[in-house]
Amino acid sequence: MRAKGEKVQSPSSMKTEAQRVVQAMSPAQKLRAAERLYHSARQLKTAALRAQHPEWSDEAIRQTVREIFLYARS
């Protein structure tokens, strides 16, 4: 619950805050953040595939995640 008189941030102001945080980061910090995001995305995809295909082996899951990220497009 918000405190009395507290303003609600709009999505555009939140984006601006995120941009400020990223702009304040050093190149090394940005690289580490990107690496963490990449590994988190792989972990989430792995978990999703395990939930969708409980019968798949660990190797099948690993191979599918590898292919998904190898051929991903943005």
PDB file of N, CA and C in Angstrom:
ATOM      1  N   MET A   1       0.838  -1.165   0.000  1.00  0.00           N
ATOM      2  CA  MET A   1       0.000   0.000   0.000  1.00  0.00           C
ATOM      3  C   MET A   1       0.888   1.236   0.000  1.00  0.00           C
ATOM      4  N   ARG A   2       0.521   2.242  -0.746  1.00  0.00           N
ATOM      5  CA  ARG A   2       1.300   3.476  -0.846  1.00  0.00           C
ATOM      6  C   ARG A   2       1.059   4.377   0.345  1.00  0.00           C
ATOM      7  N   ALA A   3       2.102   5.118   0.686  1.00  0.00           N
ATOM      8  CA  ALA A   3       1.965   6.132   1.738  1.00  0.00           C
ATOM      9  C   ALA A   3       1.136   7.283   1.198  1.00  0.00           C
ATOM     10  N   LYS A   4       0.487   7.994   2.100  1.00  0.00           N
ATOM     11  CA  LYS A   4      -0.356   9.119   1.689  1.00  0.00           C
ATOM     12  C   LYS A   4       0.488  10.158   0.959  1.00  0.00           C
ATOM     13  N   GLY A   5       0.028  10.564  -0.206  1.00  0.00           N
ATOM     14  CA  GLY A   5       0.719  11.568  -0.996  1.00  0.00           C
ATOM     15  C   GLY A   5       1.832  11.015  -1.875  1.00  0.00           C
ATOM     16  N   GLU A   6       2.111   9.705  -1.787  1.00  0.00           N
ATOM     17  CA  GLU A   6       3.167   9.119  -2.605  1.00  0.00           C
ATOM     18  C   GLU A   6       2.691   9.016  -4.047  1.00  0.00           C
ATOM     19  N   LYS A   7       3.558   9.440  -4.973  1.00  0.00           N
ATOM     20  CA  LYS A   7       3.211   9.390  -6.392  1.00  0.00           C
ATOM     21  C   LYS A   7       3.472   7.994  -6.952  1.00  0.00           C
ATOM     22  N   VAL A   8       2.638   7.591  -7.864  1.00  0.00           N
ATOM     23  CA  VAL A   8       2.830   6.336  -8.568  1.00  0.00           C
ATOM     24  C   VAL A   8       3.734   6.621  -9.759  1.00  0.00           C
ATOM     25  N   GLN A   9       4.790   5.824  -9.894  1.00  0.00           N
ATOM     26  CA  GLN A   9       5.680   6.020 -11.032  1.00  0.00           C
ATOM     27  C   GLN A   9       5.046   5.437 -12.282  1.00  0.00           C
ATOM     28  N   SER A  10       5.134   6.184 -13.354  1.00  0.00           N
ATOM     29  CA  SER A  10       4.637   5.671 -14.626  1.00  0.00           C
ATOM     30  C   SER A  10       5.701   4.761 -15.225  1.00  0.00           C
ATOM     31  N   PRO A  11       5.309   3.871 -16.136  1.00  0.00           N
ATOM     32  CA  PRO A  11       6.292   2.992 -16.773  1.00  0.00           C
ATOM     33  C   PRO A  11       7.423   3.774 -17.439  1.00  0.00           C
ATOM     34  N   SER A  12       7.115   4.934 -18.004  1.00  0.00           N
ATOM     35  CA  SER A  12       8.174   5.701 -18.667  1.00  0.00           C
ATOM     36  C   SER A  12       9.189   6.230 -17.661  1.00  0.00           C
ATOM     37  N   SER A  13       8.766   6.615 -16.462  1.00  0.00           N
ATOM     38  CA  SER A  13       9.726   7.086 -15.465  1.00  0.00           C
ATOM     39  C   SER A  13      10.544   5.929 -14.906  1.00  0.00           C
ATOM     40  N   MET A  14       9.968   4.733 -14.836  1.00  0.00           N
ATOM     41  CA  MET A  14      10.723   3.567 -14.390  1.00  0.00           C
ATOM     42  C   MET A  14      11.797   3.235 -15.419  1.00  0.00           C
ATOM     43  N   LYS A  15      11.466   3.332 -16.671  1.00  0.00           N
ATOM     44  CA  LYS A  15      12.440   3.084 -17.719  1.00  0.00           C
ATOM     45  C   LYS A  15      13.578   4.086 -17.604  1.00  0.00           C
ATOM     46  N   THR A  16      13.251   5.316 -17.348  1.00  0.00           N
ATOM     47  CA  THR A  16      14.260   6.344 -17.199  1.00  0.00           C
ATOM     48  C   THR A  16      15.185   6.017 -16.029  1.00  0.00           C
ATOM     49  N   GLU A  17      14.626   5.554 -14.933  1.00  0.00           N
ATOM     50  CA  GLU A  17      15.438   5.175 -13.772  1.00  0.00           C
ATOM     51  C   GLU A  17      16.356   4.010 -14.132  1.00  0.00           C
ATOM     52  N   ALA A  18      15.846   3.029 -14.840  1.00  0.00           N
ATOM     53  CA  ALA A  18      16.662   1.892 -15.259  1.00  0.00           C
ATOM     54  C   ALA A  18      17.791   2.360 -16.177  1.00  0.00           C
ATOM     55  N   GLN A  19      17.480   3.280 -17.057  1.00  0.00           N
ATOM     56  CA  GLN A  19      18.515   3.813 -17.943  1.00  0.00           C
ATOM     57  C   GLN A  19      19.597   4.519 -17.132  1.00  0.00           C
ATOM     58  N   ARG A  20      19.210   5.269 -16.113  1.00  0.00           N
ATOM     59  CA  ARG A  20      20.190   5.962 -15.265  1.00  0.00           C
ATOM     60  C   ARG A  20      21.105   4.968 -14.559  1.00  0.00           C
ATOM     61  N   VAL A  21      20.522   3.890 -14.086  1.00  0.00           N
ATOM     62  CA  VAL A  21      21.325   2.875 -13.394  1.00  0.00           C
ATOM     63  C   VAL A  21      22.340   2.278 -14.357  1.00  0.00           C
ATOM     64  N   VAL A  22      21.901   1.923 -15.548  1.00  0.00           N
ATOM     65  CA  VAL A  22      22.800   1.315 -16.529  1.00  0.00           C
ATOM     66  C   VAL A  22      23.875   2.312 -16.962  1.00  0.00           C
ATOM     67  N   GLN A  23      23.503   3.544 -17.165  1.00  0.00           N
ATOM     68  CA  GLN A  23      24.480   4.556 -17.584  1.00  0.00           C
ATOM     69  C   GLN A  23      25.550   4.778 -16.520  1.00  0.00           C
ATOM     70  N   ALA A  24      25.216   4.570 -15.262  1.00  0.00           N
ATOM     71  CA  ALA A  24      26.177   4.776 -14.176  1.00  0.00           C
ATOM     72  C   ALA A  24      27.131   3.587 -14.015  1.00  0.00           C
ATOM     73  N   MET A  25      26.833   2.482 -14.672  1.00  0.00           N
ATOM     74  CA  MET A  25      27.660   1.285 -14.542  1.00  0.00           C
ATOM     75  C   MET A  25      28.915   1.391 -15.403  1.00  0.00           C
ATOM     76  N   SER A  26      29.995   0.786 -14.914  1.00  0.00           N
ATOM     77  CA  SER A  26      31.219   0.707 -15.710  1.00  0.00           C
ATOM     78  C   SER A  26      31.022  -0.366 -16.788  1.00  0.00           C
ATOM     79  N   PRO A  27      31.857  -0.362 -17.820  1.00  0.00           N
ATOM     80  CA  PRO A  27      31.749  -1.429 -18.834  1.00  0.00           C
ATOM     81  C   PRO A  27      31.858  -2.831 -18.231  1.00  0.00           C
ATOM     82  N   ALA A  28      32.736  -2.999 -17.252  1.00  0.00           N
ATOM     83  CA  ALA A  28      32.880  -4.318 -16.614  1.00  0.00           C
ATOM     84  C   ALA A  28      31.606  -4.713 -15.873  1.00  0.00           C
ATOM     85  N   GLN A  29      30.971  -3.753 -15.212  1.00  0.00           N
ATOM     86  CA  GLN A  29      29.713  -4.039 -14.511  1.00  0.00           C
ATOM     87  C   GLN A  29      28.617  -4.400 -15.509  1.00  0.00           C
ATOM     88  N   LYS A  30      28.573  -3.709 -16.634  1.00  0.00           N
ATOM     89  CA  LYS A  30      27.577  -4.016 -17.665  1.00  0.00           C
ATOM     90  C   LYS A  30      27.788  -5.409 -18.220  1.00  0.00           C
ATOM     91  N   LEU A  31      29.050  -5.793 -18.429  1.00  0.00           N
ATOM     92  CA  LEU A  31      29.343  -7.131 -18.938  1.00  0.00           C
ATOM     93  C   LEU A  31      28.901  -8.191 -17.941  1.00  0.00           C
ATOM     94  N   ARG A  32      29.211  -7.995 -16.655  1.00  0.00           N
ATOM     95  CA  ARG A  32      28.782  -8.959 -15.632  1.00  0.00           C
ATOM     96  C   ARG A  32      27.259  -9.051 -15.559  1.00  0.00           C
ATOM     97  N   ALA A  33      26.585  -7.908 -15.666  1.00  0.00           N
ATOM     98  CA  ALA A  33      25.116  -7.914 -15.631  1.00  0.00           C
ATOM     99  C   ALA A  33      24.556  -8.677 -16.826  1.00  0.00           C
ATOM    100  N   ALA A  34      25.141  -8.457 -18.001  1.00  0.00           N
ATOM    101  CA  ALA A  34      24.688  -9.160 -19.207  1.00  0.00           C
ATOM    102  C   ALA A  34      24.917 -10.665 -19.067  1.00  0.00           C
ATOM    103  N   GLU A  35      26.058 -11.040 -18.507  1.00  0.00           N
ATOM    104  CA  GLU A  35      26.337 -12.469 -18.301  1.00  0.00           C
ATOM    105  C   GLU A  35      25.338 -13.094 -17.334  1.00  0.00           C
ATOM    106  N   ARG A  36      25.020 -12.380 -16.263  1.00  0.00           N
ATOM    107  CA  ARG A  36      24.038 -12.899 -15.293  1.00  0.00           C
ATOM    108  C   ARG A  36      22.668 -13.048 -15.946  1.00  0.00           C
ATOM    109  N   LEU A  37      22.272 -12.069 -16.751  1.00  0.00           N
ATOM    110  CA  LEU A  37      20.977 -12.155 -17.444  1.00  0.00           C
ATOM    111  C   LEU A  37      20.941 -13.345 -18.394  1.00  0.00           C
ATOM    112  N   TYR A  38      22.037 -13.547 -19.124  1.00  0.00           N
ATOM    113  CA  TYR A  38      22.127 -14.659 -20.069  1.00  0.00           C
ATOM    114  C   TYR A  38      21.990 -15.996 -19.334  1.00  0.00           C
ATOM    115  N   HIS A  39      22.738 -16.158 -18.252  1.00  0.00           N
ATOM    116  CA  HIS A  39      22.680 -17.425 -17.515  1.00  0.00           C
ATOM    117  C   HIS A  39      21.324 -17.614 -16.837  1.00  0.00           C
ATOM    118  N   SER A  40      20.734 -16.536 -16.366  1.00  0.00           N
ATOM    119  CA  SER A  40      19.390 -16.634 -15.771  1.00  0.00           C
ATOM    120  C   SER A  40      18.371 -17.051 -16.823  1.00  0.00           C
ATOM    121  N   ALA A  41      18.487 -16.502 -18.017  1.00  0.00           N
ATOM    122  CA  ALA A  41      17.564 -16.867 -19.099  1.00  0.00           C
ATOM    123  C   ALA A  41      17.697 -18.348 -19.440  1.00  0.00           C
ATOM    124  N   ARG A  42      18.929 -18.853 -19.470  1.00  0.00           N
ATOM    125  CA  ARG A  42      19.137 -20.282 -19.750  1.00  0.00           C
ATOM    126  C   ARG A  42      18.540 -21.152 -18.649  1.00  0.00           C
ATOM    127  N   GLN A  43      18.704 -20.731 -17.397  1.00  0.00           N
ATOM    128  CA  GLN A  43      18.143 -21.495 -16.283  1.00  0.00           C
ATOM    129  C   GLN A  43      16.618 -21.506 -16.345  1.00  0.00           C
ATOM    130  N   LEU A  44      16.028 -20.355 -16.666  1.00  0.00           N
ATOM    131  CA  LEU A  44      14.569 -20.289 -16.776  1.00  0.00           C
ATOM    132  C   LEU A  44      14.064 -21.163 -17.920  1.00  0.00           C
ATOM    133  N   LYS A  45      14.748 -21.133 -19.050  1.00  0.00           N
ATOM    134  CA  LYS A  45      14.339 -21.967 -20.192  1.00  0.00           C
ATOM    135  C   LYS A  45      14.474 -23.441 -19.843  1.00  0.00           C
ATOM    136  N   THR A  46      15.546 -23.789 -19.146  1.00  0.00           N
ATOM    137  CA  THR A  46      15.740 -25.181 -18.726  1.00  0.00           C
ATOM    138  C   THR A  46      14.600 -25.633 -17.820  1.00  0.00           C
ATOM    139  N   ALA A  47      14.261 -24.804 -16.856  1.00  0.00           N
ATOM    140  CA  ALA A  47      13.173 -25.140 -15.926  1.00  0.00           C
ATOM    141  C   ALA A  47      11.845 -25.265 -16.664  1.00  0.00           C
ATOM    142  N   ALA A  48      11.603 -24.365 -17.613  1.00  0.00           N
ATOM    143  CA  ALA A  48      10.348 -24.426 -18.371  1.00  0.00           C
ATOM    144  C   ALA A  48      10.271 -25.705 -19.195  1.00  0.00           C
ATOM    145  N   LEU A  49      11.374 -26.080 -19.831  1.00  0.00           N
ATOM    146  CA  LEU A  49      11.369 -27.306 -20.642  1.00  0.00           C
ATOM    147  C   LEU A  49      11.183 -28.539 -19.759  1.00  0.00           C
ATOM    148  N   ARG A  50      11.802 -28.548 -18.583  1.00  0.00           N
ATOM    149  CA  ARG A  50      11.619 -29.683 -17.664  1.00  0.00           C
ATOM    150  C   ARG A  50      10.155 -29.812 -17.238  1.00  0.00           C
ATOM    151  N   ALA A  51       9.508 -28.667 -17.006  1.00  0.00           N
ATOM    152  CA  ALA A  51       8.099 -28.689 -16.605  1.00  0.00           C
ATOM    153  C   ALA A  51       7.205 -29.147 -17.758  1.00  0.00           C
ATOM    154  N   GLN A  52       7.533 -28.720 -18.973  1.00  0.00           N
ATOM    155  CA  GLN A  52       6.713 -29.080 -20.133  1.00  0.00           C
ATOM    156  C   GLN A  52       6.962 -30.507 -20.601  1.00  0.00           C
ATOM    157  N   HIS A  53       8.189 -31.003 -20.390  1.00  0.00           N
ATOM    158  CA  HIS A  53       8.572 -32.321 -20.903  1.00  0.00           C
ATOM    159  C   HIS A  53       9.280 -33.127 -19.811  1.00  0.00           C
ATOM    160  N   PRO A  54       8.557 -33.541 -18.784  1.00  0.00           N
ATOM    161  CA  PRO A  54       9.209 -34.273 -17.681  1.00  0.00           C
ATOM    162  C   PRO A  54       9.828 -35.599 -18.124  1.00  0.00           C
ATOM    163  N   GLU A  55       9.415 -36.097 -19.257  1.00  0.00           N
ATOM    164  CA  GLU A  55       9.942 -37.377 -19.739  1.00  0.00           C
ATOM    165  C   GLU A  55      11.283 -37.231 -20.453  1.00  0.00           C
ATOM    166  N   TRP A  56      11.693 -36.013 -20.778  1.00  0.00           N
ATOM    167  CA  TRP A  56      12.962 -35.796 -21.491  1.00  0.00           C
ATOM    168  C   TRP A  56      14.141 -36.033 -20.562  1.00  0.00           C
ATOM    169  N   SER A  57      15.209 -36.565 -21.124  1.00  0.00           N
ATOM    170  CA  SER A  57      16.447 -36.771 -20.355  1.00  0.00           C
ATOM    171  C   SER A  57      17.147 -35.430 -20.135  1.00  0.00           C
ATOM    172  N   ASP A  58      18.089 -35.429 -19.188  1.00  0.00           N
ATOM    173  CA  ASP A  58      18.887 -34.217 -18.947  1.00  0.00           C
ATOM    174  C   ASP A  58      19.622 -33.797 -20.213  1.00  0.00           C
ATOM    175  N   GLU A  59      20.130 -34.774 -20.943  1.00  0.00           N
ATOM    176  CA  GLU A  59      20.861 -34.472 -22.179  1.00  0.00           C
ATOM    177  C   GLU A  59      19.939 -33.847 -23.230  1.00  0.00           C
ATOM    178  N   ALA A  60      18.729 -34.339 -23.346  1.00  0.00           N
ATOM    179  CA  ALA A  60      17.773 -33.768 -24.304  1.00  0.00           C
ATOM    180  C   ALA A  60      17.439 -32.324 -23.930  1.00  0.00           C
ATOM    181  N   ILE A  61      17.279 -32.076 -22.642  1.00  0.00           N
ATOM    182  CA  ILE A  61      17.003 -30.713 -22.176  1.00  0.00           C
ATOM    183  C   ILE A  61      18.183 -29.811 -22.508  1.00  0.00           C
ATOM    184  N   ARG A  62      19.409 -30.265 -22.159  1.00  0.00           N
ATOM    185  CA  ARG A  62      20.609 -29.461 -22.433  1.00  0.00           C
ATOM    186  C   ARG A  62      20.752 -29.148 -23.920  1.00  0.00           C
ATOM    187  N   GLN A  63      20.539 -30.138 -24.746  1.00  0.00           N
ATOM    188  CA  GLN A  63      20.676 -29.956 -26.193  1.00  0.00           C
ATOM    189  C   GLN A  63      19.627 -28.984 -26.734  1.00  0.00           C
ATOM    190  N   THR A  64      18.410 -29.097 -26.251  1.00  0.00           N
ATOM    191  CA  THR A  64      17.344 -28.206 -26.708  1.00  0.00           C
ATOM    192  C   THR A  64      17.624 -26.764 -26.286  1.00  0.00           C
ATOM    193  N   VAL A  65      18.050 -26.578 -25.036  1.00  0.00           N
ATOM    194  CA  VAL A  65      18.389 -25.219 -24.568  1.00  0.00           C
ATOM    195  C   VAL A  65      19.534 -24.666 -25.403  1.00  0.00           C
ATOM    196  N   ARG A  66      20.530 -25.489 -25.648  1.00  0.00           N
ATOM    197  CA  ARG A  66      21.671 -25.054 -26.471  1.00  0.00           C
ATOM    198  C   ARG A  66      21.206 -24.586 -27.847  1.00  0.00           C
ATOM    199  N   GLU A  67      20.361 -25.368 -28.497  1.00  0.00           N
ATOM    200  CA  GLU A  67      19.865 -25.010 -29.828  1.00  0.00           C
ATOM    201  C   GLU A  67      19.013 -23.743 -29.789  1.00  0.00           C
ATOM    202  N   ILE A  68      18.180 -23.621 -28.775  1.00  0.00           N
ATOM    203  CA  ILE A  68      17.328 -22.438 -28.656  1.00  0.00           C
ATOM    204  C   ILE A  68      18.188 -21.179 -28.575  1.00  0.00           C
ATOM    205  N   PHE A  69      19.226 -21.216 -27.747  1.00  0.00           N
ATOM    206  CA  PHE A  69      20.065 -20.033 -27.590  1.00  0.00           C
ATOM    207  C   PHE A  69      21.027 -19.851 -28.758  1.00  0.00           C
ATOM    208  N   LEU A  70      21.415 -20.932 -29.387  1.00  0.00           N
ATOM    209  CA  LEU A  70      22.314 -20.831 -30.541  1.00  0.00           C
ATOM    210  C   LEU A  70      21.621 -20.152 -31.714  1.00  0.00           C
ATOM    211  N   TYR A  71      20.344 -20.464 -31.912  1.00  0.00           N
ATOM    212  CA  TYR A  71      19.616 -19.930 -33.064  1.00  0.00           C
ATOM    213  C   TYR A  71      18.637 -18.820 -32.707  1.00  0.00           C
ATOM    214  N   ALA A  72      18.753 -18.283 -31.495  1.00  0.00           N
ATOM    215  CA  ALA A  72      17.836 -17.204 -31.066  1.00  0.00           C
ATOM    216  C   ALA A  72      18.063 -15.950 -31.897  1.00  0.00           C
ATOM    217  N   ARG A  73      17.004 -15.248 -32.142  1.00  0.00           N
ATOM    218  CA  ARG A  73      17.067 -13.964 -32.850  1.00  0.00           C
ATOM    219  C   ARG A  73      16.407 -12.915 -31.995  1.00  0.00           C
ATOM    220  N   SER A  74      16.906 -11.712 -32.119  1.00  0.00           N
ATOM    221  CA  SER A  74      16.296 -10.630 -31.325  1.00  0.00           C
ATOM    222  C   SER A  74      15.471  -9.732 -32.197  1.00  0.00           C
TER     223      SER A  74
END
